[in-house]
Amino acid sequence: MAKSMKEPKYGTMNKKVIFYDTDKRFADLKIRLQHDGISQAQFFRGIVTGYLMQDGDILSYVNKLKASKNIGNRSKKSIKQEKELINSGKEVLDKLALGEDEIENIFDILEKQNPDL
């Protein structure tokens, strides 16, 4: 009987991400990273985190990349529409966002109107 090995918990295993580029671009990248004081791992992890967390600056660049290189499965028009939807959604959230004082005032009004609550 073989011992059953326990599967590692999802999200705990390290995975290697590899891609190829030219020696010139690699050297340029290393120089820029050294200039900025960032390791290669910090840089790529940071970019991936920004992409996964849907950071606006990263997504803006990704959309620009997709539009300029005709990459991805969407047209320039659909990318523009998505950007407009995201921006209008942010504006709505900003308009509707309630601060602590406003929330407290709402509860005070409700308490005055409905003392039995």
C-alpha atoms as a PDB file:
ATOM      1  CA  MET A   1       0.000   0.000   0.000  1.00  0.00           C
ATOM      2  CA  ALA A   2       1.338   3.356  -0.997  1.00  0.00           C
ATOM      3  CA  LYS A   3       1.124   6.157   1.505  1.00  0.00           C
ATOM      4  CA  SER A   4      -1.359   8.746   0.402  1.00  0.00           C
ATOM      5  CA  MET A   5       0.253  12.125   0.101  1.00  0.00           C
ATOM      6  CA  LYS A   6      -1.775  15.086   1.180  1.00  0.00           C
ATOM      7  CA  GLU A   7      -2.432  17.629  -1.560  1.00  0.00           C
ATOM      8  CA  PRO A   8      -0.972  21.058  -0.738  1.00  0.00           C
ATOM      9  CA  LYS A   9      -3.512  23.768  -0.007  1.00  0.00           C
ATOM     10  CA  TYR A  10      -4.456  25.737  -3.117  1.00  0.00           C
ATOM     11  CA  GLY A  11      -2.616  29.030  -3.325  1.00  0.00           C
ATOM     12  CA  THR A  12       0.391  27.884  -1.289  1.00  0.00           C
ATOM     13  CA  MET A  13       2.480  26.286  -4.014  1.00  0.00           C
ATOM     14  CA  ASN A  14       5.018  28.420  -5.849  1.00  0.00           C
ATOM     15  CA  LYS A  15       4.825  28.446  -9.630  1.00  0.00           C
ATOM     16  CA  LYS A  16       7.439  29.666 -12.069  1.00  0.00           C
ATOM     17  CA  VAL A  17       6.428  32.099 -14.810  1.00  0.00           C
ATOM     18  CA  ILE A  18       8.778  32.102 -17.786  1.00  0.00           C
ATOM     19  CA  PHE A  19       8.819  33.902 -21.110  1.00  0.00           C
ATOM     20  CA  TYR A  20      11.457  34.775 -23.659  1.00  0.00           C
ATOM     21  CA  ASP A  21      12.650  38.150 -24.866  1.00  0.00           C
ATOM     22  CA  THR A  22      15.754  39.514 -26.566  1.00  0.00           C
ATOM     23  CA  ASP A  23      19.049  39.933 -24.759  1.00  0.00           C
ATOM     24  CA  LYS A  24      18.880  43.701 -25.411  1.00  0.00           C
ATOM     25  CA  ARG A  25      15.466  44.097 -23.802  1.00  0.00           C
ATOM     26  CA  PHE A  26      16.535  41.905 -20.888  1.00  0.00           C
ATOM     27  CA  ALA A  27      19.619  44.073 -20.308  1.00  0.00           C
ATOM     28  CA  ASP A  28      17.525  47.256 -20.591  1.00  0.00           C
ATOM     29  CA  LEU A  29      15.047  45.855 -18.075  1.00  0.00           C
ATOM     30  CA  LYS A  30      17.792  44.942 -15.605  1.00  0.00           C
ATOM     31  CA  ILE A  31      19.291  48.446 -15.924  1.00  0.00           C
ATOM     32  CA  ARG A  32      15.921  50.141 -15.368  1.00  0.00           C
ATOM     33  CA  LEU A  33      15.121  47.909 -12.395  1.00  0.00           C
ATOM     34  CA  GLN A  34      18.515  48.596 -10.841  1.00  0.00           C
ATOM     35  CA  HIS A  35      17.991  52.326 -11.405  1.00  0.00           C
ATOM     36  CA  ASP A  36      14.606  52.121  -9.637  1.00  0.00           C
ATOM     37  CA  GLY A  37      15.927  49.851  -6.875  1.00  0.00           C
ATOM     38  CA  ILE A  38      13.449  47.065  -7.628  1.00  0.00           C
ATOM     39  CA  SER A  39      14.284  43.401  -8.046  1.00  0.00           C
ATOM     40  CA  GLN A  40      13.004  41.525 -11.060  1.00  0.00           C
ATOM     41  CA  ALA A  41      10.752  39.413  -8.802  1.00  0.00           C
ATOM     42  CA  GLN A  42       9.334  42.494  -7.046  1.00  0.00           C
ATOM     43  CA  PHE A  43       8.635  44.127 -10.387  1.00  0.00           C
ATOM     44  CA  PHE A  44       6.806  41.201 -11.956  1.00  0.00           C
ATOM     45  CA  ARG A  45       4.900  40.308  -8.781  1.00  0.00           C
ATOM     46  CA  GLY A  46       3.862  43.950  -8.450  1.00  0.00           C
ATOM     47  CA  ILE A  47       2.663  44.134 -12.046  1.00  0.00           C
ATOM     48  CA  VAL A  48       0.740  40.852 -11.706  1.00  0.00           C
ATOM     49  CA  THR A  49      -0.830  42.042  -8.443  1.00  0.00           C
ATOM     50  CA  GLY A  50      -1.867  45.323 -10.048  1.00  0.00           C
ATOM     51  CA  TYR A  51      -3.406  43.458 -12.972  1.00  0.00           C
ATOM     52  CA  LEU A  52      -5.270  40.990 -10.770  1.00  0.00           C
ATOM     53  CA  MET A  53      -6.481  43.751  -8.428  1.00  0.00           C
ATOM     54  CA  GLN A  54      -7.616  45.704 -11.501  1.00  0.00           C
ATOM     55  CA  ASP A  55      -5.446  48.719 -10.761  1.00  0.00           C
ATOM     56  CA  GLY A  56      -6.606  51.532 -13.042  1.00  0.00           C
ATOM     57  CA  ASP A  57      -3.111  52.473 -14.194  1.00  0.00           C
ATOM     58  CA  ILE A  58      -2.214  48.891 -15.094  1.00  0.00           C
ATOM     59  CA  LEU A  59      -5.544  48.285 -16.849  1.00  0.00           C
ATOM     60  CA  SER A  60      -5.153  51.511 -18.778  1.00  0.00           C
ATOM     61  CA  TYR A  61      -1.808  50.311 -20.092  1.00  0.00           C
ATOM     62  CA  VAL A  62      -3.187  46.841 -20.879  1.00  0.00           C
ATOM     63  CA  ASN A  63      -6.026  48.413 -22.858  1.00  0.00           C
ATOM     64  CA  LYS A  64      -3.560  50.637 -24.705  1.00  0.00           C
ATOM     65  CA  LEU A  65      -1.422  47.592 -25.458  1.00  0.00           C
ATOM     66  CA  LYS A  66      -4.407  45.612 -26.719  1.00  0.00           C
ATOM     67  CA  ALA A  67      -5.555  48.469 -28.923  1.00  0.00           C
ATOM     68  CA  SER A  68      -2.135  49.200 -30.402  1.00  0.00           C
ATOM     69  CA  LYS A  69      -1.125  45.604 -31.024  1.00  0.00           C
ATOM     70  CA  ASN A  70      -4.594  44.281 -31.816  1.00  0.00           C
ATOM     71  CA  ILE A  71      -4.124  41.823 -28.956  1.00  0.00           C
ATOM     72  CA  GLY A  72      -6.967  40.140 -27.159  1.00  0.00           C
ATOM     73  CA  ASN A  73     -10.428  39.291 -28.277  1.00  0.00           C
ATOM     74  CA  ARG A  74     -11.994  42.731 -28.185  1.00  0.00           C
ATOM     75  CA  SER A  75     -12.212  45.612 -30.588  1.00  0.00           C
ATOM     76  CA  LYS A  76     -11.028  49.161 -29.922  1.00  0.00           C
ATOM     77  CA  LYS A  77     -14.686  50.159 -29.674  1.00  0.00           C
ATOM     78  CA  SER A  78     -15.480  47.600 -26.962  1.00  0.00           C
ATOM     79  CA  ILE A  79     -12.322  48.573 -25.026  1.00  0.00           C
ATOM     80  CA  LYS A  80     -13.390  52.219 -25.163  1.00  0.00           C
ATOM     81  CA  GLN A  81     -16.925  51.325 -24.051  1.00  0.00           C
ATOM     82  CA  GLU A  82     -15.572  49.288 -21.127  1.00  0.00           C
ATOM     83  CA  LYS A  83     -13.327  52.156 -20.051  1.00  0.00           C
ATOM     84  CA  GLU A  84     -16.278  54.565 -20.196  1.00  0.00           C
ATOM     85  CA  LEU A  85     -18.409  52.179 -18.129  1.00  0.00           C
ATOM     86  CA  ILE A  86     -15.685  51.797 -15.510  1.00  0.00           C
ATOM     87  CA  ASN A  87     -15.227  55.570 -15.297  1.00  0.00           C
ATOM     88  CA  SER A  88     -18.948  56.252 -15.032  1.00  0.00           C
ATOM     89  CA  GLY A  89     -19.253  53.547 -12.375  1.00  0.00           C
ATOM     90  CA  LYS A  90     -16.485  55.190 -10.355  1.00  0.00           C
ATOM     91  CA  GLU A  91     -18.250  58.549 -10.644  1.00  0.00           C
ATOM     92  CA  VAL A  92     -21.520  57.024  -9.396  1.00  0.00           C
ATOM     93  CA  LEU A  93     -19.713  55.400  -6.468  1.00  0.00           C
ATOM     94  CA  ASP A  94     -18.081  58.720  -5.598  1.00  0.00           C
ATOM     95  CA  LYS A  95     -21.449  60.495  -5.714  1.00  0.00           C
ATOM     96  CA  LEU A  96     -23.202  57.864  -3.604  1.00  0.00           C
ATOM     97  CA  ALA A  97     -20.432  57.211  -1.118  1.00  0.00           C
ATOM     98  CA  LEU A  98     -21.573  58.110   2.363  1.00  0.00           C
ATOM     99  CA  GLY A  99     -19.204  59.243   5.060  1.00  0.00           C
ATOM    100  CA  GLU A 100     -19.433  58.231   8.718  1.00  0.00           C
ATOM    101  CA  ASP A 101     -21.261  61.467   9.656  1.00  0.00           C
ATOM    102  CA  GLU A 102     -23.841  60.985   6.904  1.00  0.00           C
ATOM    103  CA  ILE A 103     -24.510  57.404   7.973  1.00  0.00           C
ATOM    104  CA  GLU A 104     -24.886  58.518  11.607  1.00  0.00           C
ATOM    105  CA  ASN A 105     -27.334  61.242  10.523  1.00  0.00           C
ATOM    106  CA  ILE A 106     -29.444  58.701   8.642  1.00  0.00           C
ATOM    107  CA  PHE A 107     -29.660  56.500  11.739  1.00  0.00           C
ATOM    108  CA  ASP A 108     -30.581  59.538  13.869  1.00  0.00           C
ATOM    109  CA  ILE A 109     -33.401  60.463  11.474  1.00  0.00           C
ATOM    110  CA  LEU A 110     -34.687  56.870  11.405  1.00  0.00           C
ATOM    111  CA  GLU A 111     -34.578  56.701  15.206  1.00  0.00           C
ATOM    112  CA  LYS A 112     -36.563  59.955  15.538  1.00  0.00           C
ATOM    113  CA  GLN A 113     -39.193  58.815  13.020  1.00  0.00           C
ATOM    114  CA  ASN A 114     -39.443  55.275  14.424  1.00  0.00           C
ATOM    115  CA  PRO A 115     -38.736  55.348  18.173  1.00  0.00           C
ATOM    116  CA  ASP A 116     -40.025  51.766  18.553  1.00  0.00           C
ATOM    117  CA  LEU A 117     -37.184  50.325  16.462  1.00  0.00           C
END
